[in-house]
């Protein structure tokens, strides 16, 4: 067994480095094939597939030449923001190169600087901000990607065209909008946030008090209706007196001319409505008072606030009008 291992060992020393190098060599070969395919598509004007292939090539084998070519492809495609950024990344790498490495880059650095100068004014900027009081943890997305909270309220380079922006509070529904940007346009947008469902606060309005407010509102409306129609009834009564009985030269006080008849019929209708309105109003205010006064007392902390009550009621009501009064202790 020892003799066999001794015979195998020299061969293993040769094969192991080859085996280790195989994945790297395969990756380099794949990156080269992707680059060639992407370059051909770019030259043919197929920028979407061409840029995608070159980007994948650069991911597999991040060489400065691939990065520069990717920037050229995106520039021709009209993706000015991406191209502007890629040229900047290439120049940052170029500054870290040795003199010998720089010489092998030819005119690329010069072209990258010129392209940056040309593209800079064309790059739109979009600043997104949340409204005051937005719930903590609200997620903002632009074109399906989450926007880092540190970038909110800051101008961020984006591509020209339409962008879909959304917000979502924790547990709440999604709010979405579409924003159009032209080349070089700088836009600030304050987003909206649809509220998330939250539990009612302990100090919030109770169901009984809400019902009291509703009943009180109905009562006030009924009294207003009764007062208005009551006033109309009184007006019609004076018309009847002027167009019936002795006022028109007849002994029968119930006899009226056409104007008197019309006024009498109208007075009957408005009088009925007034009576119903006052009835509904009094019933509503009465129900509101009962609901409010019989509301369960709050805890000791809220006892001071609960003791500050106002008692409202109708002091006088009738066809001639209504008087509402209030008394309370603070």
Protein backbone atom coordinates (compact mmCIF):
# COMPACT_ATOMS: atom_id res chain seq x y z
CA UNK A 1 0.00 0.00 0.00
CA UNK A 2 2.85 2.38 0.88
CA UNK A 3 4.55 1.65 -2.45
CA UNK A 4 1.30 2.40 -4.31
CA UNK A 5 0.89 5.75 -2.55
CA UNK A 6 4.46 6.65 -3.40
CA UNK A 7 3.79 5.89 -7.04
CA UNK A 8 0.52 7.88 -7.08
CA UNK A 9 1.82 10.91 -5.17
CA UNK A 10 3.88 12.50 -7.98
CA UNK A 11 0.94 12.16 -10.39
CA UNK A 12 -1.42 13.71 -7.82
CA UNK A 13 0.87 16.70 -7.45
CA UNK A 14 0.53 17.29 -11.19
CA UNK A 15 -3.20 16.67 -11.46
CA UNK A 16 -4.34 18.61 -8.39
CA UNK A 17 -3.23 22.03 -9.65
CA UNK A 18 -4.90 21.29 -12.98
CA UNK A 19 -8.13 20.31 -11.24
CA UNK A 20 -8.05 23.46 -9.13
CA UNK A 21 -7.48 25.61 -12.17
CA UNK A 22 -10.26 24.04 -14.22
CA UNK A 23 -13.22 25.98 -12.67
CA UNK A 24 -11.38 29.30 -12.99
CA UNK A 25 -10.45 28.55 -16.57
CA UNK A 26 -14.05 27.57 -17.35
CA UNK A 27 -15.33 30.78 -15.79
CA UNK A 28 -12.87 32.87 -17.77
CA UNK A 29 -13.89 31.07 -20.95
CA UNK A 30 -17.59 31.66 -20.22
CA UNK A 31 -16.92 35.35 -19.50
CA UNK A 32 -15.05 35.70 -22.81
CA UNK A 33 -17.87 34.01 -24.75
CA UNK A 34 -20.46 36.29 -23.11
CA UNK A 35 -18.37 39.35 -23.87
CA UNK A 36 -17.99 38.42 -27.54
CA UNK A 37 -21.72 37.73 -27.85
CA UNK A 38 -22.62 40.99 -26.10
CA UNK A 39 -20.21 43.00 -28.24
CA UNK A 40 -21.72 41.54 -31.41
CA UNK A 41 -25.24 42.38 -30.22
CA UNK A 42 -24.17 45.90 -29.28
CA UNK A 43 -22.66 46.53 -32.69
CA UNK A 44 -25.89 45.22 -34.24
CA UNK A 45 -27.93 47.68 -32.19
CA UNK A 46 -29.39 44.99 -29.92
CA UNK A 47 -28.52 46.90 -26.77
CA UNK A 48 -30.84 45.14 -24.33
CA UNK A 49 -29.36 41.68 -24.92
CA UNK A 50 -25.89 43.05 -25.66
CA UNK A 51 -25.59 45.04 -22.43
CA UNK A 52 -26.99 42.12 -20.43
CA UNK A 53 -24.35 39.73 -21.83
CA UNK A 54 -21.51 42.19 -21.22
CA UNK A 55 -22.74 42.83 -17.67
CA UNK A 56 -22.77 39.10 -16.94
CA UNK A 57 -19.29 38.77 -18.44
CA UNK A 58 -18.05 41.53 -16.16
CA UNK A 59 -19.67 39.84 -13.16
CA UNK A 60 -17.86 36.57 -13.92
CA UNK A 61 -14.56 38.23 -14.81
CA UNK A 62 -14.45 41.85 -13.55
CA UNK A 63 -11.94 43.30 -16.00
CA UNK A 64 -11.64 47.06 -16.68
CA UNK A 65 -12.11 46.50 -20.42
CA UNK A 66 -15.46 44.78 -19.88
CA UNK A 67 -16.59 47.58 -17.54
CA UNK A 68 -15.65 50.24 -20.10
CA UNK A 69 -17.45 48.38 -22.91
CA UNK A 70 -20.53 47.99 -20.71
CA UNK A 71 -20.56 51.75 -20.13
CA UNK A 72 -20.36 52.33 -23.90
CA UNK A 73 -23.24 49.90 -24.50
CA UNK A 74 -25.49 51.55 -21.89
CA UNK A 75 -24.65 54.99 -23.25
CA UNK A 76 -25.73 53.97 -26.76
CA UNK A 77 -28.86 52.35 -25.30
CA UNK A 78 -29.88 55.66 -23.72
CA UNK A 79 -29.40 54.52 -20.13
CA UNK A 80 -27.60 57.70 -19.26
CA UNK A 81 -27.60 57.24 -15.47
CA UNK A 82 -26.10 53.74 -15.63
CA UNK A 83 -23.56 54.76 -18.27
CA UNK A 84 -22.54 57.82 -16.23
CA UNK A 85 -21.98 55.60 -13.18
CA UNK A 86 -20.09 52.89 -15.13
CA UNK A 87 -17.69 55.43 -16.64
CA UNK A 88 -17.07 56.78 -13.14
CA UNK A 89 -16.35 53.28 -11.84
CA UNK A 90 -13.94 52.66 -14.72
CA UNK A 91 -12.05 55.92 -14.05
CA UNK A 92 -11.81 55.03 -10.34
CA UNK A 93 -10.19 51.69 -11.30
CA UNK A 94 -7.96 53.43 -13.83
CA UNK A 95 -6.52 55.69 -11.12
CA UNK A 96 -5.45 52.59 -9.14
CA UNK A 97 -3.53 51.07 -12.07
CA UNK A 98 0.21 51.02 -12.48
CA UNK A 99 1.73 53.11 -15.30
CA UNK A 100 2.19 49.94 -17.37
CA UNK A 101 -1.45 48.93 -16.88
CA UNK A 102 -2.64 52.43 -17.78
CA UNK A 103 -0.64 52.38 -21.00
CA UNK A 104 -2.43 49.19 -22.04
CA UNK A 105 -5.82 50.92 -21.65
CA UNK A 106 -5.10 53.17 -24.62
CA UNK A 107 -7.61 56.03 -25.04
CA UNK A 108 -10.26 54.53 -22.79
CA UNK A 109 -9.72 56.94 -19.88
CA UNK A 110 -9.90 59.94 -22.21
CA UNK A 111 -13.15 58.66 -23.76
CA UNK A 112 -14.61 57.91 -20.32
CA UNK A 113 -13.95 61.47 -19.13
CA UNK A 114 -15.56 62.98 -22.22
CA UNK A 115 -18.58 60.73 -21.89
CA UNK A 116 -18.97 61.68 -18.24
CA UNK A 117 -18.96 65.35 -19.19
CA UNK A 118 -21.52 64.75 -21.93
CA UNK A 119 -23.83 62.52 -19.89
CA UNK A 120 -23.77 64.49 -16.62
CA UNK A 121 -26.33 67.16 -17.67
CA UNK A 122 -28.60 64.47 -19.15
CA UNK A 123 -28.96 62.38 -16.00
CA UNK A 124 -32.32 62.96 -14.23
CA UNK A 125 -32.45 63.10 -10.43
CA UNK A 126 -35.36 61.93 -8.33
CA UNK A 127 -35.78 62.81 -4.67
CA UNK A 128 -38.38 60.82 -2.74
CA UNK A 129 -39.59 61.71 0.74
CA UNK A 130 -42.18 60.39 3.15
CA UNK A 131 -44.86 62.68 4.58
CA UNK A 132 -44.54 63.90 8.19
CA UNK A 133 -45.87 61.33 10.61
CA UNK A 134 -45.37 58.35 8.28
CA UNK A 135 -45.39 55.12 10.34
CA UNK A 136 -42.01 53.75 11.33
CA UNK A 137 -40.94 50.89 9.09
CA UNK A 138 -42.71 52.22 5.99
CA UNK A 139 -41.15 50.59 2.91
CA UNK A 140 -40.48 52.68 -0.19
CA UNK A 141 -39.86 50.95 -3.53
CA UNK A 142 -38.77 52.35 -6.87
CA UNK A 143 -39.30 50.12 -9.88
CA UNK A 144 -39.77 47.11 -7.60
CA UNK A 145 -36.59 47.65 -5.56
CA UNK A 146 -36.52 48.83 -1.96
CA UNK A 147 -35.09 52.34 -1.55
CA UNK A 148 -32.58 52.63 1.30
CA UNK A 149 -33.99 54.94 3.96
CA UNK A 150 -30.67 56.84 3.94
CA UNK A 151 -31.36 57.88 0.33
CA UNK A 152 -34.79 59.36 1.04
CA UNK A 153 -35.00 63.14 0.52
CA UNK A 154 -31.79 63.01 -1.53
CA UNK A 155 -31.47 63.42 -5.27
CA UNK A 156 -30.68 60.02 -6.78
CA UNK A 157 -29.63 59.57 -10.43
CA UNK A 158 -32.24 57.61 -12.37
CA UNK A 159 -32.92 56.79 -16.01
CA UNK A 160 -35.17 59.04 -18.09
CA UNK A 161 -38.74 57.79 -18.55
CA UNK A 162 -41.40 56.36 -16.27
CA UNK A 163 -40.71 55.06 -12.78
CA UNK A 164 -43.15 53.22 -10.52
CA UNK A 165 -42.87 54.23 -6.87
CA UNK A 166 -44.79 52.66 -3.99
CA UNK A 167 -45.08 52.91 -0.22
CA UNK A 168 -46.40 50.46 2.33
CA UNK A 169 -46.73 50.96 6.06
CA UNK A 170 -46.34 47.85 8.26
CA UNK A 171 -49.55 45.87 7.89
CA UNK A 172 -51.09 48.48 5.60
CA UNK A 173 -52.10 48.52 1.93
CA UNK A 174 -49.75 49.50 -0.90
CA UNK A 175 -49.91 53.03 -2.30
CA UNK A 176 -48.46 53.39 -5.81
CA UNK A 177 -47.77 56.21 -8.24
CA UNK A 178 -46.01 56.66 -11.59
CA UNK A 179 -43.45 59.41 -12.11
CA UNK A 180 -42.25 60.60 -15.52
CA UNK A 181 -38.79 62.16 -15.87
CA UNK A 182 -37.21 63.79 -18.89
CA UNK A 183 -33.46 63.94 -19.55
CA UNK A 184 -31.77 66.27 -17.10
CA UNK A 185 -34.96 66.82 -15.07
CA UNK A 186 -34.69 67.06 -11.29
CA UNK A 187 -37.87 66.27 -9.41
CA UNK A 188 -38.81 66.12 -5.74
CA UNK A 189 -41.85 64.04 -4.81
CA UNK A 190 -43.49 63.71 -1.39
CA UNK A 191 -45.11 60.31 -1.29
CA UNK A 192 -48.34 59.26 0.36
CA UNK A 193 -48.78 56.41 2.82
CA UNK A 194 -52.04 54.56 3.28
CA UNK A 195 -52.57 54.10 7.00
CA UNK A 196 -52.11 50.68 8.53
CA UNK A 197 -54.95 49.25 10.64
CA UNK A 198 -54.23 50.06 14.28
CA UNK A 199 -55.97 49.30 17.53
CA UNK A 200 -58.15 52.06 18.94
CA UNK A 201 -56.27 54.00 21.65
CA UNK A 202 -57.36 53.47 25.24
CA UNK A 203 -58.42 57.10 25.51
CA UNK A 204 -60.39 57.03 22.26
CA UNK A 205 -64.07 57.68 21.84
CA UNK A 206 -66.35 54.88 23.06
CA UNK A 207 -69.15 53.32 21.05
CA UNK A 208 -71.74 54.69 23.49
CA UNK A 209 -70.39 58.23 23.18
CA UNK A 210 -70.31 57.95 19.38
CA UNK A 211 -73.96 56.89 19.45
CA UNK A 212 -74.72 59.86 21.71
CA UNK A 213 -73.14 62.23 19.21
CA UNK A 214 -75.14 60.71 16.37
CA UNK A 215 -78.38 60.93 18.28
CA UNK A 216 -77.59 64.51 19.29
CA UNK A 217 -76.90 65.43 15.67
CA UNK A 218 -80.23 63.98 14.59
CA UNK A 219 -81.96 65.85 17.41
CA UNK A 220 -80.44 69.21 16.47
CA UNK A 221 -81.34 68.64 12.82
CA UNK A 222 -84.92 67.84 13.79
CA UNK A 223 -85.23 71.00 15.87
CA UNK A 224 -83.81 73.12 13.08
CA UNK A 225 -86.29 71.60 10.63
CA UNK A 226 -89.15 72.16 13.07
CA UNK A 227 -88.15 75.77 13.62
CA UNK A 228 -87.85 76.58 9.94
CA UNK A 229 -91.14 74.98 8.96
CA UNK A 230 -92.81 76.52 12.00
CA UNK A 231 -91.76 79.97 10.82
CA UNK A 232 -93.15 79.18 7.36
CA UNK A 233 -96.44 78.11 8.94
CA UNK A 234 -96.74 81.42 10.78
CA UNK A 235 -96.13 83.25 7.51
CA UNK A 236 -98.87 81.31 5.77
CA UNK A 237 -101.24 82.01 8.68
CA UNK A 238 -101.02 85.75 8.07
CA UNK A 239 -101.80 85.18 4.37
CA UNK A 240 -104.88 83.16 5.30
CA UNK A 241 -106.14 85.94 7.56
CA UNK A 242 -105.80 88.45 4.72
CA UNK A 243 -107.64 86.29 2.16
CA UNK A 244 -110.46 84.69 4.16
CA UNK A 245 -113.70 85.74 5.90
CA UNK A 246 -114.28 89.41 6.59
CA UNK A 247 -110.97 90.31 4.97
CA UNK A 248 -112.51 89.51 1.58
CA UNK A 249 -116.02 90.79 2.45
CA UNK A 250 -117.82 87.54 3.38
CA UNK A 251 -119.50 86.61 6.64
CA UNK A 252 -118.23 83.00 6.65
CA UNK A 253 -114.80 83.13 8.25
CA UNK A 254 -113.89 79.80 6.67
CA UNK A 255 -114.54 81.06 3.16
CA UNK A 256 -111.35 82.07 1.31
CA UNK A 257 -110.30 83.13 -2.13
CA UNK A 258 -107.81 81.02 -4.13
CA UNK A 259 -104.80 82.66 -2.50
CA UNK A 260 -106.21 81.98 0.94
CA UNK A 261 -106.99 78.36 0.02
CA UNK A 262 -103.44 77.78 -1.27
CA UNK A 263 -101.93 79.38 1.84
CA UNK A 264 -104.18 77.30 4.11
CA UNK A 265 -103.16 74.03 2.43
CA UNK A 266 -99.48 74.98 2.52
CA UNK A 267 -99.76 75.93 6.20
CA UNK A 268 -101.27 72.52 6.99
CA UNK A 269 -98.30 70.78 5.33
CA UNK A 270 -95.58 72.90 6.91
CA UNK A 271 -97.30 72.71 10.27
CA UNK A 272 -97.27 68.91 10.13
CA UNK A 273 -93.59 68.87 9.15
CA UNK A 274 -92.80 71.30 11.97
CA UNK A 275 -94.56 69.10 14.50
CA UNK A 276 -92.71 65.99 13.29
CA UNK A 277 -89.38 67.87 13.25
CA UNK A 278 -89.76 69.04 16.83
CA UNK A 279 -90.77 65.54 17.88
CA UNK A 280 -87.73 63.95 16.26
CA UNK A 281 -85.47 66.68 17.61
CA UNK A 282 -86.63 66.27 21.19
CA UNK A 283 -86.40 62.49 20.96
CA UNK A 284 -82.87 62.66 19.52
CA UNK A 285 -81.59 65.07 22.15
CA UNK A 286 -83.22 63.02 24.86
CA UNK A 287 -81.57 59.83 23.63
CA UNK A 288 -78.23 61.60 23.36
CA UNK A 289 -78.52 62.87 26.93
CA UNK A 290 -79.35 59.40 28.25
CA UNK A 291 -76.46 57.78 26.38
CA UNK A 292 -74.00 60.43 27.46
CA UNK A 293 -75.01 60.54 31.12
CA UNK A 294 -75.14 56.76 31.52
CA UNK A 295 -71.72 56.18 29.93
CA UNK A 296 -69.54 54.00 32.23
CA UNK A 297 -67.01 55.98 34.24
CA UNK A 298 -63.36 55.90 33.18
CA UNK A 299 -60.41 54.93 35.39
CA UNK A 300 -59.00 57.24 38.03
CA UNK A 301 -56.54 58.95 35.68
CA UNK A 302 -59.39 60.01 33.42
CA UNK A 303 -61.78 60.78 36.24
CA UNK A 304 -60.87 64.47 36.19
CA UNK A 305 -61.60 64.73 32.49
CA UNK A 306 -64.78 62.66 32.80
CA UNK A 307 -66.12 64.92 35.52
CA UNK A 308 -66.04 67.91 33.21
CA UNK A 309 -69.49 67.35 31.79
CA UNK A 310 -71.84 69.63 29.93
CA UNK A 311 -75.54 68.93 30.14
CA UNK A 312 -77.52 70.20 27.19
CA UNK A 313 -81.26 70.36 26.76
CA UNK A 314 -84.13 72.14 25.11
CA UNK A 315 -85.38 75.01 27.27
CA UNK A 316 -88.35 75.90 25.07
CA UNK A 317 -89.74 74.61 21.78
CA UNK A 318 -92.77 75.22 19.66
CA UNK A 319 -93.97 76.43 16.28
CA UNK A 320 -92.55 79.86 17.04
CA UNK A 321 -89.00 78.62 17.53
CA UNK A 322 -86.69 76.68 19.82
CA UNK A 323 -84.26 77.63 22.60
CA UNK A 324 -81.46 75.28 23.49
CA UNK A 325 -79.47 75.75 26.68
CA UNK A 326 -76.49 74.12 28.37
CA UNK A 327 -75.04 73.95 31.87
CA UNK A 328 -72.02 72.19 33.19
CA UNK A 329 -69.24 71.96 35.77
CA UNK A 330 -65.48 72.19 35.07
